[in-house]
Amino acid sequence: MKATETHLQLIISRAEQQFIVPLFQRPYSWDKKEWQDLWNDLLELFEPDEHGKFKNHFLGSIVTIPVASVPHGIAKYVLIDGQQRLTTLFILLMLIRNNTMNQQLAKKIVVQQLVNEFAEGLDYYRLLPTQQDRPAFQTLVQRQPIPLELESTQIIKCYYFFDKKLKKNIDIEKLSQIISNQLTVVSIVLDHDENPHLVFESLNARGKSLTQADLIRNYFFMRIPVDKQEEIFDRDWQPMQKALGDSLTECIRHYLMAIKATDVKKTEVYITLKNRIDNTKIDILNSLKEIATYAGYYQRIIYPEYESNLNIQRALKRIKRIEITVAYSLLLRCYHDYAQDYLSETDFCNILHFVENLVIRRSVCNLPSNTLNKIFPIVYREAQSNHPTNLVRGVAHILQNKGYPNDAEFKESLSTTNFYSRSEGRERTKLILESIESNYQHKEPVDFENLSIEHIMPQVIKNGSWWQSHLGEEWETVHELCLHTLGNLTLTGYNSELSNKSFPEKQKELAQSHLELNRYFVSLSEWKKEQIEER
């Protein structure tokens, strides 16, 4: 390692060189706060101090590692630390070039700081950002019109931010001198045999905090040879990053819980994965490929429309509606078995239905969901161990012995539980009502998406109303006890129209419904506590 304090100008103006932002780095992420802080620092350098001297401003470290290249080619350096600052300053240099009336200065910036004048292809650029940032950055270097699709990138936002600053009576030539002569850095050049990922991890305490997925990406690509990084990034990492976005960390967390058969805290995803690979010497490329495979399953779990098998898609949509993320570790292992033809479509659907039943029953019976965090990760491994020839039977057996309410418990709670009023209760309630209606086996499928839950006895009963008179002296008690129970609920497309109408009025509307659920009300003469409990 070689460390030298020097002016930024001497770093970026060396002839025939290129700084490459590695694929393991996240895209450019500075925002208004960081831009304004840098701008304030630059403004302070316009005026001399009390002794009449112009002071320097220390930017921090620029950490690079040289890349082996041809003897007479461009000298390339992988930029381990300093991407945000260098990218921002390059954008400022482009703005100075664009706004100065001094053509000699503009040309100097281009040929000495922005590009390698006689190089071709990507070697032309002195700074080569990550793939995601390249279109915007190269558009600015080449002074091309900015396409609409690049307007939302941080690179272009940065350009517009400083463009406004430079149009406010700023001495542009003085700003150029400040960048060239008054900004200092510590240049740290690593030796070829030094491990860049250790350096990166030690530097991670500074700057913007990285997400768990950022750290995992860095971990992988700092261990993959440079000449293979782009191919593997395009094949394995970028597709799952694009498909899952901010959900990628959760995907890897559930993958780890599935593989390790244990709970993993949200803050420990990176360290858990790192320890697993480091301690077991798992091949780094195979590990990344496996995560990418499981990311495909995860995408279909959280976005069921990507599943081509309609039966599995329908089952996954129901799983999504009940928001049972704690089961994802089990579902990922089952999805993998299904994808490898170890598990049939029917068996996979049976497991999905069993998981749904477990969650619904526990919800109706008021059993806490937090205990499931420690149950689901171990289910697959125990099922494989105890029932190696029948995974469905194994999963059912284990879950039935870990808090699965029996029929008697479920039936008792079903008539008394006010689970509609809970945060997750409405969707689960609607799912139960849909299941009851579907059990009648209509010749044509029911369009449940356009139906909503209707309270027969309304949610609001006003003094002097029909309902107050109908329910009698104990109307408040009846209302409190029975309002959100399943017996008082149905499905209808007339929700806002029915609202607080009397029971006879609602009967007339419900009689026109094609739902079997609503035929129940046609022959009744009253709707009180007894009728609600009976239903």
Protein backbone atom coordinates (compact mmCIF):
# COMPACT_ATOMS: atom_id res chain seq x y z
CA MET A 1 0.00 0.00 0.00
CA LYS A 2 1.24 3.46 -0.90
CA ALA A 3 -0.39 6.54 0.70
CA THR A 4 0.37 10.09 -0.42
CA GLU A 5 -1.26 13.42 0.41
CA THR A 6 -1.58 15.39 -2.80
CA HIS A 7 -3.72 17.82 -4.75
CA LEU A 8 -6.74 16.36 -6.54
CA GLN A 9 -5.47 17.89 -9.78
CA LEU A 10 -2.41 15.63 -9.76
CA ILE A 11 -4.61 12.57 -9.35
CA ILE A 12 -7.13 13.20 -12.11
CA SER A 13 -4.85 14.90 -14.66
CA ARG A 14 -2.35 12.10 -15.19
CA ALA A 15 -2.27 11.24 -18.89
CA GLU A 16 -3.73 8.03 -20.26
CA GLN A 17 -5.46 6.77 -17.13
CA GLN A 18 -8.91 5.65 -16.08
CA PHE A 19 -10.71 5.24 -12.75
CA ILE A 20 -13.16 2.34 -12.84
CA VAL A 21 -15.99 2.22 -10.31
CA PRO A 22 -16.27 -1.54 -9.66
CA LEU A 23 -19.51 -3.43 -10.02
CA PHE A 24 -19.56 -4.22 -6.32
CA GLN A 25 -20.07 -0.52 -5.59
CA ARG A 26 -23.61 0.81 -5.54
CA PRO A 27 -24.58 3.49 -8.09
CA TYR A 28 -23.99 7.19 -7.50
CA SER A 29 -26.12 8.13 -4.50
CA TRP A 30 -25.19 11.62 -3.32
CA ASP A 31 -28.18 13.92 -2.91
CA LYS A 32 -28.92 17.59 -2.18
CA LYS A 33 -27.43 17.50 1.32
CA GLU A 34 -24.05 16.20 0.15
CA TRP A 35 -24.05 18.51 -2.89
CA GLN A 36 -24.82 21.55 -0.75
CA ASP A 37 -22.13 20.60 1.78
CA LEU A 38 -19.54 20.36 -0.99
CA TRP A 39 -20.70 23.63 -2.51
CA ASN A 40 -20.42 25.40 0.85
CA ASP A 41 -16.87 24.06 1.23
CA LEU A 42 -15.96 25.35 -2.24
CA LEU A 43 -17.44 28.81 -1.56
CA GLU A 44 -15.25 29.18 1.53
CA LEU A 45 -12.18 28.75 -0.67
CA PHE A 46 -12.98 31.79 -2.83
CA GLU A 47 -11.70 34.24 -0.21
CA PRO A 48 -8.25 34.33 1.44
CA ASP A 49 -7.84 33.86 5.18
CA GLU A 50 -6.85 36.62 7.62
CA HIS A 51 -3.24 36.30 6.46
CA GLY A 52 -4.14 36.79 2.83
CA LYS A 53 -3.54 33.15 1.92
CA PHE A 54 -5.90 30.86 0.11
CA LYS A 55 -6.40 27.74 2.18
CA ASN A 56 -6.80 24.17 0.98
CA HIS A 57 -9.74 21.88 1.64
CA PHE A 58 -9.17 18.20 2.43
CA LEU A 59 -11.65 15.93 0.63
CA GLY A 60 -10.65 12.65 2.24
CA SER A 61 -9.10 9.53 0.75
CA ILE A 62 -9.11 8.17 -2.77
CA VAL A 63 -8.40 4.44 -2.57
CA THR A 64 -7.51 2.59 -5.76
CA ILE A 65 -5.93 -0.65 -6.88
CA PRO A 66 -4.16 -0.90 -10.26
CA VAL A 67 -5.55 -3.27 -12.88
CA ALA A 68 -3.14 -5.29 -14.98
CA SER A 69 -3.23 -3.85 -18.51
CA VAL A 70 -1.26 -3.90 -21.74
CA PRO A 71 2.17 -2.17 -21.55
CA HIS A 72 1.22 0.78 -23.73
CA GLY A 73 -2.50 0.99 -22.97
CA ILE A 74 -4.55 3.06 -20.57
CA ALA A 75 -3.45 2.77 -16.92
CA LYS A 76 -6.56 1.57 -15.13
CA TYR A 77 -7.37 1.83 -11.43
CA VAL A 78 -10.31 0.24 -9.65
CA LEU A 79 -11.83 2.92 -7.41
CA ILE A 80 -12.36 1.27 -4.02
CA ASP A 81 -13.26 4.46 -2.12
CA GLY A 82 -14.01 7.99 -3.34
CA GLN A 83 -16.56 7.33 -6.07
CA GLN A 84 -19.12 9.85 -4.78
CA ARG A 85 -16.64 12.73 -4.45
CA LEU A 86 -14.85 12.07 -7.74
CA THR A 87 -18.07 11.68 -9.71
CA THR A 88 -19.45 14.94 -8.29
CA LEU A 89 -16.26 16.85 -9.07
CA PHE A 90 -16.16 15.46 -12.61
CA ILE A 91 -19.73 16.74 -13.08
CA LEU A 92 -18.61 20.15 -11.80
CA LEU A 93 -15.73 20.14 -14.28
CA MET A 94 -18.17 19.38 -17.10
CA LEU A 95 -20.32 22.33 -16.03
CA ILE A 96 -17.30 24.63 -15.98
CA ARG A 97 -16.45 23.42 -19.49
CA ASN A 98 -20.01 24.10 -20.65
CA ASN A 99 -20.35 27.56 -19.07
CA THR A 100 -16.94 29.18 -19.45
CA MET A 101 -16.27 31.69 -22.21
CA ASN A 102 -12.59 30.70 -22.06
CA GLN A 103 -12.28 28.09 -24.80
CA GLN A 104 -8.71 27.29 -23.82
CA LEU A 105 -9.88 26.40 -20.31
CA ALA A 106 -12.75 24.32 -21.72
CA LYS A 107 -10.37 22.33 -23.92
CA LYS A 108 -7.91 21.86 -21.05
CA ILE A 109 -10.65 20.39 -18.87
CA VAL A 110 -11.68 17.99 -21.62
CA VAL A 111 -8.27 16.65 -22.65
CA GLN A 112 -6.55 16.77 -19.26
CA GLN A 113 -9.32 15.80 -16.87
CA LEU A 114 -12.40 14.31 -18.53
CA VAL A 115 -11.20 12.07 -21.36
CA ASN A 116 -8.27 10.19 -22.82
CA GLU A 117 -8.26 12.09 -26.10
CA PHE A 118 -6.86 9.41 -28.39
CA ALA A 119 -8.40 6.34 -26.77
CA GLU A 120 -11.40 4.48 -28.15
CA GLY A 121 -14.46 2.82 -26.67
CA LEU A 122 -14.82 2.91 -22.91
CA ASP A 123 -11.11 3.74 -22.55
CA TYR A 124 -12.02 7.24 -23.75
CA TYR A 125 -13.46 8.18 -20.35
CA ARG A 126 -11.17 9.09 -17.43
CA LEU A 127 -13.91 8.01 -15.02
CA LEU A 128 -16.00 4.93 -15.74
CA PRO A 129 -18.98 4.69 -13.35
CA THR A 130 -21.07 1.60 -12.67
CA GLN A 131 -23.14 0.27 -15.55
CA GLN A 132 -26.28 1.89 -14.20
CA ASP A 133 -24.67 5.34 -14.16
CA ARG A 134 -22.76 5.16 -17.44
CA PRO A 135 -25.49 6.35 -19.85
CA ALA A 136 -26.10 9.55 -17.86
CA PHE A 137 -22.41 10.22 -17.19
CA GLN A 138 -21.33 9.62 -20.80
CA THR A 139 -24.16 11.82 -22.07
CA LEU A 140 -22.75 14.69 -19.98
CA VAL A 141 -19.15 14.07 -21.04
CA GLN A 142 -20.17 14.14 -24.71
CA ARG A 143 -22.42 17.22 -24.23
CA GLN A 144 -25.37 15.42 -25.78
CA PRO A 145 -29.03 16.33 -25.16
CA ILE A 146 -30.25 14.63 -21.99
CA PRO A 147 -32.87 11.95 -22.82
CA LEU A 148 -36.08 12.00 -20.81
CA GLU A 149 -35.41 8.55 -19.33
CA LEU A 150 -32.19 9.83 -17.70
CA GLU A 151 -33.77 12.88 -16.06
CA SER A 152 -34.49 10.97 -12.84
CA THR A 153 -30.95 9.64 -12.33
CA GLN A 154 -28.82 11.06 -9.52
CA ILE A 155 -26.08 11.92 -12.03
CA ILE A 156 -28.41 14.24 -13.96
CA LYS A 157 -29.97 15.64 -10.77
CA CYS A 158 -26.48 16.52 -9.58
CA TYR A 159 -25.76 18.20 -12.92
CA TYR A 160 -28.90 20.35 -12.67
CA PHE A 161 -28.19 21.22 -9.02
CA PHE A 162 -24.74 22.65 -9.73
CA ASP A 163 -25.83 24.15 -13.05
CA LYS A 164 -28.15 26.45 -11.06
CA LYS A 165 -25.29 27.34 -8.71
CA LEU A 166 -22.95 28.28 -11.56
CA LYS A 167 -25.53 30.62 -13.05
CA LYS A 168 -25.59 32.81 -9.91
CA ASN A 169 -22.70 35.19 -10.68
CA ILE A 170 -20.04 32.64 -9.82
CA ASP A 171 -16.49 33.28 -11.05
CA ILE A 172 -16.22 30.11 -13.12
CA GLU A 173 -12.50 30.41 -13.82
CA LYS A 174 -11.81 30.89 -10.11
CA LEU A 175 -13.89 27.79 -9.36
CA SER A 176 -11.76 25.84 -11.84
CA GLN A 177 -8.60 27.05 -10.07
CA ILE A 178 -10.01 26.03 -6.69
CA ILE A 179 -10.73 22.50 -7.92
CA SER A 180 -7.27 22.27 -9.47
CA ASN A 181 -5.16 23.90 -6.75
CA GLN A 182 -6.99 23.95 -3.42
CA LEU A 183 -8.56 20.52 -3.06
CA THR A 184 -6.35 17.88 -1.47
CA VAL A 185 -6.77 14.15 -0.95
CA VAL A 186 -4.86 11.23 0.47
CA SER A 187 -4.24 8.91 -2.46
CA ILE A 188 -4.01 5.31 -1.29
CA VAL A 189 -2.88 2.88 -3.98
CA LEU A 190 -3.14 -0.76 -2.95
CA ASP A 191 -0.66 -3.36 -4.09
CA HIS A 192 -1.84 -6.15 -6.39
CA ASP A 193 -1.58 -8.70 -3.59
CA GLU A 194 -3.67 -6.69 -1.12
CA ASN A 195 -7.28 -7.69 -0.49
CA PRO A 196 -9.56 -4.83 -1.58
CA HIS A 197 -12.64 -6.16 0.23
CA LEU A 198 -10.92 -5.87 3.61
CA VAL A 199 -10.02 -2.26 2.84
CA PHE A 200 -13.56 -1.53 1.69
CA GLU A 201 -15.08 -3.01 4.84
CA SER A 202 -12.78 -0.91 7.01
CA LEU A 203 -13.86 2.21 5.12
CA ASN A 204 -17.57 1.44 5.30
CA ALA A 205 -18.04 3.33 8.57
CA ARG A 206 -17.75 6.60 6.65
CA GLY A 207 -20.13 8.15 4.15
CA LYS A 208 -23.65 6.96 3.44
CA SER A 209 -24.51 3.73 5.23
CA LEU A 210 -24.85 0.71 2.99
CA THR A 211 -27.87 -1.56 3.01
CA GLN A 212 -27.47 -5.25 3.80
CA ALA A 213 -27.91 -5.97 0.07
CA ASP A 214 -25.16 -3.42 -0.76
CA LEU A 215 -22.78 -5.17 1.61
CA ILE A 216 -23.64 -8.56 0.15
CA ARG A 217 -23.08 -7.33 -3.41
CA ASN A 218 -19.73 -5.88 -2.36
CA TYR A 219 -18.78 -9.10 -0.62
CA PHE A 220 -19.38 -11.17 -3.74
CA PHE A 221 -17.87 -8.91 -6.37
CA MET A 222 -14.75 -8.07 -4.41
CA ARG A 223 -14.00 -11.79 -4.53
CA ILE A 224 -14.78 -12.31 -8.20
CA PRO A 225 -11.95 -11.69 -10.71
CA VAL A 226 -12.27 -8.33 -12.48
CA ASP A 227 -12.43 -9.92 -15.92
CA LYS A 228 -15.48 -11.99 -14.88
CA GLN A 229 -17.34 -9.35 -12.87
CA GLU A 230 -19.37 -7.80 -15.66
CA GLU A 231 -20.56 -11.13 -17.06
CA ILE A 232 -21.59 -12.43 -13.63
CA PHE A 233 -23.16 -9.11 -12.64
CA ASP A 234 -25.31 -9.14 -15.79
CA ARG A 235 -26.23 -12.81 -15.41
CA ASP A 236 -26.82 -13.18 -11.67
CA TRP A 237 -26.94 -9.95 -9.69
CA GLN A 238 -28.55 -7.33 -11.91
CA PRO A 239 -31.67 -9.39 -12.81
CA MET A 240 -32.58 -10.02 -9.17
CA GLN A 241 -31.73 -6.44 -8.18
CA LYS A 242 -34.00 -5.17 -10.96
CA ALA A 243 -36.78 -7.64 -10.14
CA LEU A 244 -36.81 -7.14 -6.37
CA GLY A 245 -35.40 -3.64 -5.76
CA ASP A 246 -35.61 -2.80 -2.06
CA SER A 247 -36.99 -6.27 -1.34
CA LEU A 248 -33.68 -7.93 -2.21
CA THR A 249 -32.37 -7.85 1.36
CA GLU A 250 -35.52 -9.56 2.62
CA CYS A 251 -35.21 -12.12 -0.17
CA ILE A 252 -31.67 -13.02 0.91
CA ARG A 253 -32.79 -13.10 4.54
CA HIS A 254 -35.52 -15.64 3.80
CA TYR A 255 -33.11 -17.60 1.60
CA LEU A 256 -30.67 -17.86 4.52
CA MET A 257 -33.44 -18.93 6.89
CA ALA A 258 -34.47 -21.57 4.36
CA ILE A 259 -30.94 -22.92 3.90
CA LYS A 260 -29.81 -22.67 7.53
CA ALA A 261 -33.15 -23.66 9.10
CA THR A 262 -32.95 -20.88 11.66
CA ASP A 263 -34.27 -17.35 12.13
CA VAL A 264 -32.07 -14.50 10.83
CA LYS A 265 -32.41 -10.95 12.13
CA LYS A 266 -32.93 -8.20 9.56
CA THR A 267 -29.75 -6.45 10.72
CA GLU A 268 -27.63 -9.61 10.45
CA VAL A 269 -28.30 -10.75 6.88
CA TYR A 270 -24.87 -9.74 5.57
CA ILE A 271 -22.84 -11.14 8.44
CA THR A 272 -24.83 -14.39 8.40
CA LEU A 273 -24.18 -14.91 4.70
CA LYS A 274 -20.52 -13.90 5.04
CA ASN A 275 -19.92 -16.30 7.92
CA ARG A 276 -21.68 -19.11 6.08
CA ILE A 277 -19.43 -18.77 3.04
CA ASP A 278 -16.22 -18.02 4.95
CA ASN A 279 -16.66 -20.84 7.45
CA THR A 280 -17.74 -23.53 5.01
CA LYS A 281 -15.55 -22.54 2.04
CA ILE A 282 -18.55 -22.63 -0.29
CA ASP A 283 -17.67 -21.68 -3.86
CA ILE A 284 -18.41 -17.97 -4.25
CA LEU A 285 -19.83 -18.24 -7.78
CA ASN A 286 -22.07 -21.19 -6.95
CA SER A 287 -23.34 -19.37 -3.86
CA LEU A 288 -24.28 -16.28 -5.87
CA LYS A 289 -25.92 -18.41 -8.53
CA GLU A 290 -27.98 -20.21 -5.88
CA ILE A 291 -29.16 -16.90 -4.40
CA ALA A 292 -30.14 -15.73 -7.90
CA THR A 293 -32.15 -18.95 -8.35
CA TYR A 294 -33.97 -18.48 -5.05
CA ALA A 295 -34.56 -14.81 -5.94
CA GLY A 296 -36.59 -16.07 -8.89
CA TYR A 297 -38.78 -18.10 -6.52
CA TYR A 298 -39.06 -15.15 -4.15
CA GLN A 299 -40.20 -12.86 -6.96
CA ARG A 300 -43.06 -15.26 -7.74
CA ILE A 301 -44.03 -15.48 -4.07
CA ILE A 302 -44.35 -11.71 -3.64
CA TYR A 303 -45.54 -11.11 -7.23
CA PRO A 304 -47.64 -14.23 -8.00
CA GLU A 305 -48.55 -12.95 -11.46
CA TYR A 306 -45.07 -14.07 -12.60
CA GLU A 307 -45.95 -17.71 -11.88
CA SER A 308 -47.12 -19.37 -15.10
CA ASN A 309 -48.90 -22.30 -13.44
CA LEU A 310 -52.41 -20.97 -12.73
CA ASN A 311 -53.16 -23.28 -9.81
CA ILE A 312 -49.95 -22.32 -8.03
CA GLN A 313 -50.49 -18.68 -8.96
CA ARG A 314 -53.95 -18.68 -7.34
CA ALA A 315 -52.58 -20.30 -4.18
CA LEU A 316 -49.72 -17.78 -4.00
CA LYS A 317 -52.13 -14.87 -4.41
CA ARG A 318 -54.03 -16.09 -1.37
CA ILE A 319 -50.77 -16.43 0.58
CA LYS A 320 -49.86 -12.88 -0.38
CA ARG A 321 -53.21 -11.54 0.80
CA ILE A 322 -52.83 -12.96 4.30
CA GLU A 323 -49.34 -11.39 4.61
CA ILE A 324 -47.59 -14.41 6.05
CA THR A 325 -43.97 -13.50 5.34
CA VAL A 326 -42.70 -15.73 8.15
CA ALA A 327 -43.59 -18.74 5.99
CA TYR A 328 -41.39 -17.66 3.08
CA SER A 329 -38.42 -19.75 4.23
CA LEU A 330 -40.53 -22.91 3.96
CA LEU A 331 -42.12 -21.82 0.68
CA LEU A 332 -38.71 -21.14 -0.88
CA ARG A 333 -37.51 -24.68 -0.15
CA CYS A 334 -40.75 -26.12 -1.50
CA TYR A 335 -40.54 -23.90 -4.59
CA HIS A 336 -37.03 -25.21 -5.25
CA ASP A 337 -38.23 -28.81 -4.98
CA TYR A 338 -41.10 -28.02 -7.35
CA ALA A 339 -38.72 -26.35 -9.84
CA GLN A 340 -36.44 -29.41 -9.69
CA ASP A 341 -39.41 -31.79 -10.21
CA TYR A 342 -38.98 -33.28 -6.74
CA LEU A 343 -42.41 -31.95 -5.76
CA SER A 344 -45.53 -32.18 -7.92
CA GLU A 345 -47.84 -29.27 -8.67
CA THR A 346 -50.56 -30.89 -6.54
CA ASP A 347 -48.25 -31.42 -3.58
CA PHE A 348 -46.91 -27.87 -3.78
CA CYS A 349 -50.46 -26.48 -3.85
CA ASN A 350 -51.40 -28.69 -0.89
CA ILE A 351 -48.53 -27.25 1.14
CA LEU A 352 -49.54 -23.71 0.19
CA HIS A 353 -53.14 -24.42 1.23
CA PHE A 354 -52.00 -25.96 4.51
CA VAL A 355 -49.88 -22.89 5.33
CA GLU A 356 -52.85 -20.67 4.52
CA ASN A 357 -55.13 -22.73 6.76
CA LEU A 358 -52.65 -22.59 9.63
CA VAL A 359 -52.38 -18.81 9.48
CA ILE A 360 -56.12 -18.23 9.12
CA ARG A 361 -56.96 -20.59 11.97
CA ARG A 362 -54.38 -19.02 14.28
CA SER A 363 -55.64 -15.56 13.38
CA VAL A 364 -59.26 -16.49 14.12
CA CYS A 365 -58.21 -18.14 17.39
CA ASN A 366 -56.23 -15.05 18.45
CA LEU A 367 -52.93 -16.93 18.62
CA PRO A 368 -49.83 -14.69 18.32
CA SER A 369 -47.98 -14.77 15.00
CA ASN A 370 -44.53 -13.91 16.39
CA THR A 371 -43.97 -17.51 17.53
CA LEU A 372 -44.10 -18.61 13.89
CA ASN A 373 -40.74 -16.89 13.26
CA LYS A 374 -38.97 -19.79 14.91
CA ILE A 375 -41.30 -22.49 13.62
CA PHE A 376 -41.31 -22.07 9.83
CA PRO A 377 -37.51 -22.06 9.20
CA ILE A 378 -37.15 -25.55 10.72
CA VAL A 379 -40.24 -27.16 9.17
CA TYR A 380 -38.66 -28.23 5.87
CA ARG A 381 -35.59 -29.81 7.46
CA GLU A 382 -37.64 -31.69 10.06
CA ALA A 383 -40.14 -32.81 7.43
CA GLN A 384 -37.35 -34.15 5.22
CA SER A 385 -35.79 -35.91 8.18
CA ASN A 386 -38.96 -37.50 9.57
CA HIS A 387 -40.87 -38.07 6.32
CA PRO A 388 -38.24 -38.34 3.55
CA THR A 389 -40.66 -39.89 1.04
CA ASN A 390 -43.67 -37.62 1.63
CA LEU A 391 -42.92 -33.92 2.13
CA VAL A 392 -46.60 -32.91 2.28
CA ARG A 393 -47.33 -35.35 5.08
CA GLY A 394 -44.17 -34.26 6.87
CA VAL A 395 -45.03 -30.55 6.70
CA ALA A 396 -48.61 -31.20 7.82
CA HIS A 397 -47.51 -33.41 10.71
CA ILE A 398 -44.98 -30.88 12.03
CA LEU A 399 -47.27 -27.85 11.74
CA GLN A 400 -50.17 -29.71 13.35
CA ASN A 401 -47.94 -30.25 16.37
CA LYS A 402 -46.78 -26.64 16.52
CA GLY A 403 -49.92 -24.65 17.26
CA TYR A 404 -52.40 -25.68 14.55
CA PRO A 405 -55.91 -25.09 16.02
CA ASN A 406 -58.16 -28.12 15.68
CA ASP A 407 -61.67 -27.98 14.21
CA ALA A 408 -63.40 -27.57 17.58
CA GLU A 409 -61.15 -24.66 18.62
CA PHE A 410 -61.55 -23.03 15.23
CA LYS A 411 -65.34 -23.40 15.20
CA GLU A 412 -65.71 -21.89 18.66
CA SER A 413 -63.54 -18.88 17.84
CA LEU A 414 -65.10 -18.38 14.42
CA SER A 415 -68.45 -17.37 15.92
CA THR A 416 -67.09 -14.96 18.54
CA THR A 417 -63.84 -13.42 17.32
CA ASN A 418 -63.89 -9.78 16.20
CA PHE A 419 -60.95 -10.33 13.86
CA TYR A 420 -62.30 -8.04 11.11
CA SER A 421 -61.30 -5.01 13.21
CA ARG A 422 -57.60 -5.98 13.38
CA SER A 423 -55.02 -4.49 11.03
CA GLU A 424 -54.63 -7.72 9.05
CA GLY A 425 -58.19 -8.93 9.71
CA ARG A 426 -60.11 -7.41 6.80
CA GLU A 427 -58.25 -9.18 4.02
CA ARG A 428 -58.27 -12.45 5.93
CA THR A 429 -62.00 -12.05 6.62
CA LYS A 430 -62.68 -11.47 2.93
CA LEU A 431 -60.62 -14.53 2.08
CA ILE A 432 -62.73 -16.67 4.43
CA LEU A 433 -65.96 -15.35 2.92
CA GLU A 434 -64.65 -15.98 -0.59
CA SER A 435 -63.70 -19.53 0.37
CA ILE A 436 -67.20 -20.19 1.71
CA GLU A 437 -68.77 -18.82 -1.48
CA SER A 438 -66.37 -20.77 -3.71
CA ASN A 439 -67.35 -23.95 -1.89
CA TYR A 440 -70.76 -23.73 -3.60
CA GLN A 441 -68.98 -24.49 -6.90
CA HIS A 442 -70.49 -21.91 -9.24
CA LYS A 443 -70.60 -22.79 -12.92
CA GLU A 444 -68.90 -19.48 -13.67
CA PRO A 445 -66.12 -18.00 -11.50
CA VAL A 446 -67.16 -15.19 -9.15
CA ASP A 447 -65.43 -11.83 -9.63
CA PHE A 448 -64.36 -11.38 -6.01
CA GLU A 449 -62.11 -8.39 -6.79
CA ASN A 450 -65.14 -6.15 -7.28
CA LEU A 451 -66.84 -7.27 -4.08
CA SER A 452 -66.33 -5.82 -0.62
CA ILE A 453 -67.28 -6.77 2.92
CA GLU A 454 -70.72 -5.64 4.08
CA HIS A 455 -71.87 -5.52 7.70
CA ILE A 456 -75.53 -6.59 7.86
CA MET A 457 -75.94 -4.90 11.24
CA PRO A 458 -74.22 -1.60 10.34
CA GLN A 459 -71.02 -0.28 11.88
CA VAL A 460 -72.75 2.91 13.05
CA ILE A 461 -76.17 2.86 14.75
CA LYS A 462 -77.69 6.27 15.40
CA ASN A 463 -80.05 7.11 18.23
CA GLY A 464 -83.65 6.72 17.12
CA SER A 465 -82.70 4.60 14.11
CA TRP A 466 -84.48 1.47 12.86
CA TRP A 467 -81.60 -0.68 14.10
CA GLN A 468 -81.71 0.71 17.64
CA SER A 469 -85.39 -0.12 17.87
CA HIS A 470 -84.96 -3.54 16.25
CA LEU A 471 -82.15 -4.68 18.56
CA GLY A 472 -83.98 -3.57 21.71
CA GLU A 473 -82.72 -2.28 25.04
CA GLU A 474 -79.44 -4.22 24.87
CA TRP A 475 -78.61 -2.87 21.41
CA GLU A 476 -75.25 -1.41 22.45
CA THR A 477 -74.07 -4.71 23.93
CA VAL A 478 -75.25 -6.67 20.90
CA HIS A 479 -73.58 -4.19 18.58
CA GLU A 480 -70.27 -4.40 20.43
CA LEU A 481 -70.23 -8.20 20.65
CA CYS A 482 -71.51 -9.14 17.20
CA LEU A 483 -70.59 -6.32 14.81
CA HIS A 484 -67.28 -7.70 13.46
CA THR A 485 -67.99 -11.41 13.87
CA LEU A 486 -68.20 -13.55 10.75
CA GLY A 487 -71.94 -14.15 11.21
CA ASN A 488 -72.67 -10.46 10.60
CA LEU A 489 -70.55 -10.19 7.47
CA THR A 490 -71.11 -10.93 3.81
CA LEU A 491 -69.83 -9.95 0.38
CA THR A 492 -71.56 -7.48 -1.91
CA GLY A 493 -70.97 -5.00 -4.66
CA TYR A 494 -73.44 -2.57 -3.06
CA ASN A 495 -71.41 -1.72 0.05
CA SER A 496 -71.73 2.08 -0.03
CA GLU A 497 -75.38 1.86 -1.15
CA LEU A 498 -76.48 -0.49 1.64
CA SER A 499 -74.54 1.20 4.43
CA ASN A 500 -76.95 1.99 7.33
CA LYS A 501 -80.19 0.80 5.70
CA SER A 502 -82.65 -1.26 7.71
CA PHE A 503 -82.56 -5.05 7.50
CA PRO A 504 -85.71 -5.28 5.29
CA GLU A 505 -84.16 -2.78 2.87
CA LYS A 506 -80.91 -4.72 2.80
CA GLN A 507 -82.83 -7.95 2.22
CA LYS A 508 -84.33 -6.55 -0.97
CA GLU A 509 -80.91 -5.58 -2.30
CA LEU A 510 -79.25 -8.83 -1.26
CA ALA A 511 -82.05 -10.87 -2.86
CA GLN A 512 -80.79 -9.63 -6.24
CA SER A 513 -77.29 -10.96 -5.53
CA HIS A 514 -76.00 -14.06 -7.33
CA LEU A 515 -73.97 -15.06 -4.28
CA GLU A 516 -75.08 -18.07 -2.26
CA LEU A 517 -73.88 -16.25 0.86
CA ASN A 518 -76.65 -13.69 0.40
CA ARG A 519 -79.50 -16.14 -0.26
CA TYR A 520 -79.31 -16.92 3.45
CA PHE A 521 -80.97 -13.61 4.36
CA VAL A 522 -84.01 -13.85 2.06
CA SER A 523 -86.28 -15.90 4.34
CA LEU A 524 -85.37 -14.19 7.64
CA SER A 525 -87.72 -11.78 9.40
CA GLU A 526 -85.20 -10.24 11.81
CA TRP A 527 -81.47 -9.83 12.36
CA LYS A 528 -80.54 -9.93 16.03
CA LYS A 529 -77.91 -11.58 18.22
CA GLU A 530 -79.51 -15.01 17.89
CA GLN A 531 -79.57 -14.91 14.08
CA ILE A 532 -75.99 -13.66 13.86
CA GLU A 533 -74.71 -16.44 16.13
CA GLU A 534 -76.80 -19.05 14.30
CA ARG A 535 -75.38 -18.06 10.94
